[in-house]
């Protein structure tokens, strides 16, 4: 969902019901974790285009942040840290 400063609300589909740890990426998109649904990392652009990236070795990614070198870093429920590069 996006809310403008004027109060206009836009709802986007395709993000999922169990998103966690949303963070702004260096690419201008918002990145988030799909901890329960698919164990994946998601990306949504300002126009609402959603892309999902599988986190194959990560169980329950739940936190994400921008890091050095244009990458996003995420933490998992099994104590691992993952890295995904931005487009």
PDB file of N, CA and C in Angstrom:
ATOM      1  N   UNK A   1       0.839  -1.157   0.000  1.00  0.00           N
ATOM      2  CA  UNK A   1       0.000   0.000   0.000  1.00  0.00           C
ATOM      3  C   UNK A   1       0.897   1.236   0.000  1.00  0.00           C
ATOM      4  N   UNK A   2       0.455   2.241  -0.719  1.00  0.00           N
ATOM      5  CA  UNK A   2       1.158   3.517  -0.740  1.00  0.00           C
ATOM      6  C   UNK A   2       0.165   4.615  -0.378  1.00  0.00           C
ATOM      7  N   UNK A   3       0.587   5.524   0.483  1.00  0.00           N
ATOM      8  CA  UNK A   3      -0.237   6.665   0.867  1.00  0.00           C
ATOM      9  C   UNK A   3       0.558   7.930   0.559  1.00  0.00           C
ATOM     10  N   UNK A   4      -0.014   8.803  -0.238  1.00  0.00           N
ATOM     11  CA  UNK A   4       0.658  10.062  -0.552  1.00  0.00           C
ATOM     12  C   UNK A   4       0.460  11.051   0.588  1.00  0.00           C
ATOM     13  N   UNK A   5       1.204  12.138   0.561  1.00  0.00           N
ATOM     14  CA  UNK A   5       1.049  13.168   1.584  1.00  0.00           C
ATOM     15  C   UNK A   5      -0.321  13.836   1.502  1.00  0.00           C
ATOM     16  N   UNK A   6      -0.991  13.700   0.337  1.00  0.00           N
ATOM     17  CA  UNK A   6      -2.345  14.240   0.181  1.00  0.00           C
ATOM     18  C   UNK A   6      -3.414  13.252   0.659  1.00  0.00           C
ATOM     19  N   UNK A   7      -2.990  12.050   1.074  1.00  0.00           N
ATOM     20  CA  UNK A   7      -3.927  11.061   1.589  1.00  0.00           C
ATOM     21  C   UNK A   7      -4.459  10.081   0.560  1.00  0.00           C
ATOM     22  N   UNK A   8      -3.949  10.111  -0.664  1.00  0.00           N
ATOM     23  CA  UNK A   8      -4.392   9.161  -1.685  1.00  0.00           C
ATOM     24  C   UNK A   8      -3.761   7.797  -1.408  1.00  0.00           C
ATOM     25  N   UNK A   9      -4.608   6.776  -1.336  1.00  0.00           N
ATOM     26  CA  UNK A   9      -4.153   5.420  -1.018  1.00  0.00           C
ATOM     27  C   UNK A   9      -4.166   4.557  -2.275  1.00  0.00           C
ATOM     28  N   UNK A  10      -3.046   3.859  -2.529  1.00  0.00           N
ATOM     29  CA  UNK A  10      -2.938   2.904  -3.620  1.00  0.00           C
ATOM     30  C   UNK A  10      -2.548   1.559  -3.030  1.00  0.00           C
ATOM     31  N   UNK A  11      -3.290   0.507  -3.368  1.00  0.00           N
ATOM     32  CA  UNK A  11      -2.988  -0.831  -2.885  1.00  0.00           C
ATOM     33  C   UNK A  11      -2.385  -1.648  -4.020  1.00  0.00           C
ATOM     34  N   UNK A  12      -1.305  -2.354  -3.730  1.00  0.00           N
ATOM     35  CA  UNK A  12      -0.631  -3.197  -4.711  1.00  0.00           C
ATOM     36  C   UNK A  12      -0.861  -4.659  -4.372  1.00  0.00           C
ATOM     37  N   UNK A  13      -1.002  -5.496  -5.378  1.00  0.00           N
ATOM     38  CA  UNK A  13      -1.178  -6.929  -5.173  1.00  0.00           C
ATOM     39  C   UNK A  13       0.115  -7.659  -5.504  1.00  0.00           C
ATOM     40  N   UNK A  14       0.215  -8.895  -5.028  1.00  0.00           N
ATOM     41  CA  UNK A  14       1.362  -9.726  -5.350  1.00  0.00           C
ATOM     42  C   UNK A  14       2.461  -9.706  -4.314  1.00  0.00           C
ATOM     43  N   UNK A  15       2.303  -8.917  -3.269  1.00  0.00           N
ATOM     44  CA  UNK A  15       3.337  -8.841  -2.243  1.00  0.00           C
ATOM     45  C   UNK A  15       3.230 -10.015  -1.286  1.00  0.00           C
ATOM     46  N   UNK A  16       2.051 -10.422  -0.900  1.00  0.00           N
ATOM     47  CA  UNK A  16       1.854 -11.536   0.018  1.00  0.00           C
ATOM     48  C   UNK A  16       1.362 -11.056   1.363  1.00  0.00           C
ATOM     49  N   UNK A  17       0.921 -11.995   2.181  1.00  0.00           N
ATOM     50  CA  UNK A  17       0.341 -11.675   3.481  1.00  0.00           C
ATOM     51  C   UNK A  17       1.341 -11.726   4.628  1.00  0.00           C
ATOM     52  N   UNK A  18       2.491 -12.310   4.411  1.00  0.00           N
ATOM     53  CA  UNK A  18       3.455 -12.506   5.492  1.00  0.00           C
ATOM     54  C   UNK A  18       4.778 -11.838   5.174  1.00  0.00           C
ATOM     55  N   UNK A  19       4.741 -10.547   4.934  1.00  0.00           N
ATOM     56  CA  UNK A  19       5.960  -9.802   4.629  1.00  0.00           C
ATOM     57  C   UNK A  19       6.544  -9.213   5.904  1.00  0.00           C
ATOM     58  N   UNK A  20       7.874  -9.187   5.946  1.00  0.00           N
ATOM     59  CA  UNK A  20       8.595  -8.684   7.111  1.00  0.00           C
ATOM     60  C   UNK A  20       9.789  -7.866   6.650  1.00  0.00           C
ATOM     61  N   UNK A  21      10.235  -6.974   7.507  1.00  0.00           N
ATOM     62  CA  UNK A  21      11.512  -6.307   7.316  1.00  0.00           C
ATOM     63  C   UNK A  21      11.653  -5.471   6.065  1.00  0.00           C
ATOM     64  N   UNK A  22      10.669  -4.717   5.697  1.00  0.00           N
ATOM     65  CA  UNK A  22      10.753  -3.922   4.485  1.00  0.00           C
ATOM     66  C   UNK A  22      11.818  -2.831   4.624  1.00  0.00           C
ATOM     67  N   UNK A  23      12.620  -2.630   3.545  1.00  0.00           N
ATOM     68  CA  UNK A  23      13.681  -1.623   3.558  1.00  0.00           C
ATOM     69  C   UNK A  23      13.858  -1.041   2.159  1.00  0.00           C
ATOM     70  N   UNK A  24      14.227   0.220   2.107  1.00  0.00           N
ATOM     71  CA  UNK A  24      14.516   0.879   0.830  1.00  0.00           C
ATOM     72  C   UNK A  24      15.860   0.390   0.314  1.00  0.00           C
ATOM     73  N   UNK A  25      15.887   0.051  -0.975  1.00  0.00           N
ATOM     74  CA  UNK A  25      17.122  -0.398  -1.596  1.00  0.00           C
ATOM     75  C   UNK A  25      17.816   0.721  -2.354  1.00  0.00           C
ATOM     76  N   UNK A  26      19.081   0.523  -2.693  1.00  0.00           N
ATOM     77  CA  UNK A  26      19.828   1.533  -3.427  1.00  0.00           C
ATOM     78  C   UNK A  26      19.321   1.719  -4.857  1.00  0.00           C
ATOM     79  N   UNK A  27      18.458   0.808  -5.309  1.00  0.00           N
ATOM     80  CA  UNK A  27      17.894   0.879  -6.653  1.00  0.00           C
ATOM     81  C   UNK A  27      16.583   1.663  -6.700  1.00  0.00           C
ATOM     82  N   UNK A  28      16.142   2.217  -5.557  1.00  0.00           N
ATOM     83  CA  UNK A  28      14.910   2.992  -5.495  1.00  0.00           C
ATOM     84  C   UNK A  28      13.668   2.167  -5.226  1.00  0.00           C
ATOM     85  N   UNK A  29      13.808   0.865  -5.137  1.00  0.00           N
ATOM     86  CA  UNK A  29      12.675  -0.029  -4.851  1.00  0.00           C
ATOM     87  C   UNK A  29      12.645  -0.355  -3.360  1.00  0.00           C
ATOM     88  N   UNK A  30      11.522  -0.911  -2.923  1.00  0.00           N
ATOM     89  CA  UNK A  30      11.402  -1.409  -1.558  1.00  0.00           C
ATOM     90  C   UNK A  30      11.616  -2.922  -1.595  1.00  0.00           C
ATOM     91  N   UNK A  31      12.409  -3.419  -0.678  1.00  0.00           N
ATOM     92  CA  UNK A  31      12.717  -4.840  -0.575  1.00  0.00           C
ATOM     93  C   UNK A  31      12.090  -5.379   0.702  1.00  0.00           C
ATOM     94  N   UNK A  32      11.669  -6.653   0.673  1.00  0.00           N
ATOM     95  CA  UNK A  32      10.996  -7.237   1.835  1.00  0.00           C
ATOM     96  C   UNK A  32      11.235  -8.736   1.875  1.00  0.00           C
ATOM     97  N   UNK A  33      10.948  -9.323   3.028  1.00  0.00           N
ATOM     98  CA  UNK A  33      11.091 -10.769   3.222  1.00  0.00           C
ATOM     99  C   UNK A  33       9.712 -11.418   3.215  1.00  0.00           C
ATOM    100  N   UNK A  34       9.597 -12.548   2.531  1.00  0.00           N
ATOM    101  CA  UNK A  34       8.402 -13.399   2.568  1.00  0.00           C
ATOM    102  C   UNK A  34       8.756 -14.584   3.454  1.00  0.00           C
ATOM    103  N   UNK A  35       8.678 -14.387   4.736  1.00  0.00           N
ATOM    104  CA  UNK A  35       9.167 -15.392   5.674  1.00  0.00           C
ATOM    105  C   UNK A  35       8.342 -16.672   5.680  1.00  0.00           C
ATOM    106  N   UNK A  36       7.038 -16.563   5.681  1.00  0.00           N
ATOM    107  CA  UNK A  36       6.192 -17.733   5.858  1.00  0.00           C
ATOM    108  C   UNK A  36       5.773 -18.343   4.520  1.00  0.00           C
ATOM    109  N   UNK A  37       5.304 -17.528   3.609  1.00  0.00           N
ATOM    110  CA  UNK A  37       4.735 -18.038   2.356  1.00  0.00           C
ATOM    111  C   UNK A  37       5.716 -18.853   1.538  1.00  0.00           C
ATOM    112  N   UNK A  38       6.873 -18.269   1.249  1.00  0.00           N
ATOM    113  CA  UNK A  38       7.748 -18.938   0.296  1.00  0.00           C
ATOM    114  C   UNK A  38       9.214 -18.897   0.675  1.00  0.00           C
ATOM    115  N   UNK A  39       9.556 -18.304   1.794  1.00  0.00           N
ATOM    116  CA  UNK A  39      10.968 -18.202   2.150  1.00  0.00           C
ATOM    117  C   UNK A  39      11.742 -17.480   1.069  1.00  0.00           C
ATOM    118  N   UNK A  40      11.244 -16.341   0.633  1.00  0.00           N
ATOM    119  CA  UNK A  40      11.855 -15.619  -0.467  1.00  0.00           C
ATOM    120  C   UNK A  40      12.076 -14.154  -0.111  1.00  0.00           C
ATOM    121  N   UNK A  41      12.807 -13.476  -0.969  1.00  0.00           N
ATOM    122  CA  UNK A  41      13.025 -12.042  -0.864  1.00  0.00           C
ATOM    123  C   UNK A  41      12.237 -11.400  -2.000  1.00  0.00           C
ATOM    124  N   UNK A  42      11.511 -10.337  -1.682  1.00  0.00           N
ATOM    125  CA  UNK A  42      10.712  -9.658  -2.693  1.00  0.00           C
ATOM    126  C   UNK A  42      11.176  -8.232  -2.917  1.00  0.00           C
ATOM    127  N   UNK A  43      10.812  -7.703  -4.074  1.00  0.00           N
ATOM    128  CA  UNK A  43      11.157  -6.338  -4.462  1.00  0.00           C
ATOM    129  C   UNK A  43       9.925  -5.716  -5.104  1.00  0.00           C
ATOM    130  N   UNK A  44       9.559  -4.503  -4.685  1.00  0.00           N
ATOM    131  CA  UNK A  44       8.444  -3.806  -5.302  1.00  0.00           C
ATOM    132  C   UNK A  44       8.914  -2.414  -5.714  1.00  0.00           C
ATOM    133  N   UNK A  45       8.643  -2.072  -6.974  1.00  0.00           N
ATOM    134  CA  UNK A  45       9.037  -0.773  -7.494  1.00  0.00           C
ATOM    135  C   UNK A  45       7.997   0.282  -7.124  1.00  0.00           C
ATOM    136  N   UNK A  46       8.301   1.520  -7.379  1.00  0.00           N
ATOM    137  CA  UNK A  46       7.365   2.604  -7.083  1.00  0.00           C
ATOM    138  C   UNK A  46       6.119   2.539  -7.957  1.00  0.00           C
ATOM    139  N   UNK A  47       6.167   1.781  -9.055  1.00  0.00           N
ATOM    140  CA  UNK A  47       4.981   1.604  -9.901  1.00  0.00           C
ATOM    141  C   UNK A  47       4.185   0.364  -9.534  1.00  0.00           C
ATOM    142  N   UNK A  48       4.661  -0.413  -8.542  1.00  0.00           N
ATOM    143  CA  UNK A  48       3.929  -1.586  -8.070  1.00  0.00           C
ATOM    144  C   UNK A  48       4.340  -2.901  -8.695  1.00  0.00           C
ATOM    145  N   UNK A  49       5.409  -2.932  -9.483  1.00  0.00           N
ATOM    146  CA  UNK A  49       5.868  -4.194 -10.078  1.00  0.00           C
ATOM    147  C   UNK A  49       6.594  -5.014  -9.007  1.00  0.00           C
ATOM    148  N   UNK A  50       6.107  -6.230  -8.768  1.00  0.00           N
ATOM    149  CA  UNK A  50       6.669  -7.103  -7.743  1.00  0.00           C
ATOM    150  C   UNK A  50       7.488  -8.209  -8.387  1.00  0.00           C
ATOM    151  N   UNK A  51       8.688  -8.433  -7.853  1.00  0.00           N
ATOM    152  CA  UNK A  51       9.552  -9.528  -8.270  1.00  0.00           C
ATOM    153  C   UNK A  51       9.926 -10.306  -7.023  1.00  0.00           C
ATOM    154  N   UNK A  52       9.920 -11.642  -7.117  1.00  0.00           N
ATOM    155  CA  UNK A  52      10.264 -12.497  -5.991  1.00  0.00           C
ATOM    156  C   UNK A  52      11.503 -13.304  -6.325  1.00  0.00           C
ATOM    157  N   UNK A  53      12.434 -13.360  -5.379  1.00  0.00           N
ATOM    158  CA  UNK A  53      13.679 -14.108  -5.539  1.00  0.00           C
ATOM    159  C   UNK A  53      13.723 -15.200  -4.479  1.00  0.00           C
ATOM    160  N   UNK A  54      13.861 -16.468  -4.866  1.00  0.00           N
ATOM    161  CA  UNK A  54      13.891 -17.540  -3.868  1.00  0.00           C
ATOM    162  C   UNK A  54      15.132 -17.443  -2.992  1.00  0.00           C
ATOM    163  N   UNK A  55      14.964 -17.632  -1.706  1.00  0.00           N
ATOM    164  CA  UNK A  55      16.079 -17.691  -0.762  1.00  0.00           C
ATOM    165  C   UNK A  55      16.275 -19.157  -0.415  1.00  0.00           C
ATOM    166  N   UNK A  56      16.858 -19.903  -1.332  1.00  0.00           N
ATOM    167  CA  UNK A  56      16.874 -21.362  -1.262  1.00  0.00           C
ATOM    168  C   UNK A  56      17.531 -21.927  -0.015  1.00  0.00           C
ATOM    169  N   UNK A  57      18.585 -21.310   0.480  1.00  0.00           N
ATOM    170  CA  UNK A  57      19.256 -21.861   1.661  1.00  0.00           C
ATOM    171  C   UNK A  57      18.811 -21.175   2.947  1.00  0.00           C
ATOM    172  N   UNK A  58      17.889 -20.247   2.837  1.00  0.00           N
ATOM    173  CA  UNK A  58      17.451 -19.493   4.010  1.00  0.00           C
ATOM    174  C   UNK A  58      16.079 -19.956   4.467  1.00  0.00           C
ATOM    175  N   UNK A  59      15.950 -20.183   5.757  1.00  0.00           N
ATOM    176  CA  UNK A  59      14.648 -20.520   6.316  1.00  0.00           C
ATOM    177  C   UNK A  59      14.078 -19.287   6.994  1.00  0.00           C
ATOM    178  N   UNK A  60      12.919 -18.893   6.595  1.00  0.00           N
ATOM    179  CA  UNK A  60      12.191 -17.783   7.204  1.00  0.00           C
ATOM    180  C   UNK A  60      12.971 -16.475   7.254  1.00  0.00           C
ATOM    181  N   UNK A  61      13.342 -15.911   6.096  1.00  0.00           N
ATOM    182  CA  UNK A  61      13.976 -14.592   6.145  1.00  0.00           C
ATOM    183  C   UNK A  61      13.016 -13.594   6.776  1.00  0.00           C
ATOM    184  N   UNK A  62      13.529 -12.751   7.679  1.00  0.00           N
ATOM    185  CA  UNK A  62      12.622 -11.873   8.393  1.00  0.00           C
ATOM    186  C   UNK A  62      13.093 -10.445   8.563  1.00  0.00           C
ATOM    187  N   UNK A  63      14.330 -10.158   8.234  1.00  0.00           N
ATOM    188  CA  UNK A  63      14.820  -8.787   8.335  1.00  0.00           C
ATOM    189  C   UNK A  63      15.723  -8.520   7.136  1.00  0.00           C
ATOM    190  N   UNK A  64      15.710  -7.273   6.672  1.00  0.00           N
ATOM    191  CA  UNK A  64      16.487  -6.933   5.482  1.00  0.00           C
ATOM    192  C   UNK A  64      16.946  -5.481   5.580  1.00  0.00           C
ATOM    193  N   UNK A  65      18.116  -5.197   5.035  1.00  0.00           N
ATOM    194  CA  UNK A  65      18.646  -3.841   5.043  1.00  0.00           C
ATOM    195  C   UNK A  65      19.579  -3.647   3.854  1.00  0.00           C
ATOM    196  N   UNK A  66      19.740  -2.399   3.445  1.00  0.00           N
ATOM    197  CA  UNK A  66      20.694  -2.078   2.380  1.00  0.00           C
ATOM    198  C   UNK A  66      22.094  -2.099   2.971  1.00  0.00           C
ATOM    199  N   UNK A  67      23.043  -2.593   2.183  1.00  0.00           N
ATOM    200  CA  UNK A  67      24.427  -2.656   2.635  1.00  0.00           C
ATOM    201  C   UNK A  67      25.363  -2.082   1.588  1.00  0.00           C
ATOM    202  N   UNK A  68      26.645  -2.225   1.803  1.00  0.00           N
ATOM    203  CA  UNK A  68      27.627  -1.683   0.868  1.00  0.00           C
ATOM    204  C   UNK A  68      27.611  -2.411  -0.476  1.00  0.00           C
ATOM    205  N   UNK A  69      28.059  -1.740  -1.490  1.00  0.00           N
ATOM    206  CA  UNK A  69      28.186  -2.363  -2.810  1.00  0.00           C
ATOM    207  C   UNK A  69      26.879  -2.572  -3.540  1.00  0.00           C
ATOM    208  N   UNK A  70      25.806  -1.905  -3.139  1.00  0.00           N
ATOM    209  CA  UNK A  70      24.532  -2.038  -3.840  1.00  0.00           C
ATOM    210  C   UNK A  70      23.795  -3.326  -3.550  1.00  0.00           C
ATOM    211  N   UNK A  71      24.112  -3.987  -2.452  1.00  0.00           N
ATOM    212  CA  UNK A  71      23.456  -5.250  -2.103  1.00  0.00           C
ATOM    213  C   UNK A  71      22.464  -5.051  -0.969  1.00  0.00           C
ATOM    214  N   UNK A  72      21.530  -6.001  -0.869  1.00  0.00           N
ATOM    215  CA  UNK A  72      20.612  -6.071   0.267  1.00  0.00           C
ATOM    216  C   UNK A  72      21.034  -7.284   1.095  1.00  0.00           C
ATOM    217  N   UNK A  73      21.052  -7.115   2.406  1.00  0.00           N
ATOM    218  CA  UNK A  73      21.426  -8.175   3.336  1.00  0.00           C
ATOM    219  C   UNK A  73      20.211  -8.546   4.169  1.00  0.00           C
ATOM    220  N   UNK A  74      20.020  -9.842   4.420  1.00  0.00           N
ATOM    221  CA  UNK A  74      18.859 -10.288   5.182  1.00  0.00           C
ATOM    222  C   UNK A  74      19.250 -11.332   6.211  1.00  0.00           C
ATOM    223  N   UNK A  75      18.494 -11.371   7.309  1.00  0.00           N
ATOM    224  CA  UNK A  75      18.693 -12.357   8.358  1.00  0.00           C
ATOM    225  C   UNK A  75      17.601 -13.412   8.285  1.00  0.00           C
ATOM    226  N   UNK A  76      17.894 -14.605   8.774  1.00  0.00           N
ATOM    227  CA  UNK A  76      16.949 -15.712   8.682  1.00  0.00           C
ATOM    228  C   UNK A  76      16.627 -16.289  10.054  1.00  0.00           C
ATOM    229  N   UNK A  77      15.569 -17.086  10.089  1.00  0.00           N
ATOM    230  CA  UNK A  77      15.143 -17.741  11.315  1.00  0.00           C
ATOM    231  C   UNK A  77      16.089 -18.814  11.794  1.00  0.00           C
ATOM    232  N   UNK A  78      17.000 -19.283  10.939  1.00  0.00           N
ATOM    233  CA  UNK A  78      17.942 -20.312  11.356  1.00  0.00           C
ATOM    234  C   UNK A  78      19.337 -19.729  11.613  1.00  0.00           C
ATOM    235  N   UNK A  79      19.398 -18.403  11.849  1.00  0.00           N
ATOM    236  CA  UNK A  79      20.652 -17.778  12.250  1.00  0.00           C
ATOM    237  C   UNK A  79      21.637 -17.473  11.140  1.00  0.00           C
ATOM    238  N   UNK A  80      21.217 -17.535   9.901  1.00  0.00           N
ATOM    239  CA  UNK A  80      22.098 -17.220   8.779  1.00  0.00           C
ATOM    240  C   UNK A  80      21.881 -15.787   8.302  1.00  0.00           C
ATOM    241  N   UNK A  81      22.857 -15.294   7.580  1.00  0.00           N
ATOM    242  CA  UNK A  81      22.771 -13.993   6.931  1.00  0.00           C
ATOM    243  C   UNK A  81      22.922 -14.216   5.441  1.00  0.00           C
ATOM    244  N   UNK A  82      22.047 -13.602   4.652  1.00  0.00           N
ATOM    245  CA  UNK A  82      22.096 -13.743   3.209  1.00  0.00           C
ATOM    246  C   UNK A  82      22.321 -12.401   2.532  1.00  0.00           C
ATOM    247  N   UNK A  83      22.736 -12.449   1.283  1.00  0.00           N
ATOM    248  CA  UNK A  83      23.013 -11.247   0.502  1.00  0.00           C
ATOM    249  C   UNK A  83      22.385 -11.407  -0.876  1.00  0.00           C
ATOM    250  N   UNK A  84      21.735 -10.351  -1.358  1.00  0.00           N
ATOM    251  CA  UNK A  84      21.183 -10.373  -2.695  1.00  0.00           C
ATOM    252  C   UNK A  84      21.567  -9.058  -3.374  1.00  0.00           C
ATOM    253  N   UNK A  85      22.044  -9.164  -4.603  1.00  0.00           N
ATOM    254  CA  UNK A  85      22.433  -7.948  -5.327  1.00  0.00           C
ATOM    255  C   UNK A  85      21.205  -7.316  -5.961  1.00  0.00           C
ATOM    256  N   UNK A  86      21.232  -6.013  -6.095  1.00  0.00           N
ATOM    257  CA  UNK A  86      20.112  -5.289  -6.682  1.00  0.00           C
ATOM    258  C   UNK A  86      20.328  -5.141  -8.176  1.00  0.00           C
ATOM    259  N   UNK A  87      19.213  -5.074  -8.930  1.00  0.00           N
ATOM    260  CA  UNK A  87      19.346  -4.942 -10.403  1.00  0.00           C
ATOM    261  C   UNK A  87      19.905  -3.599 -10.812  1.00  0.00           C
TER     262      UNK A  87
END
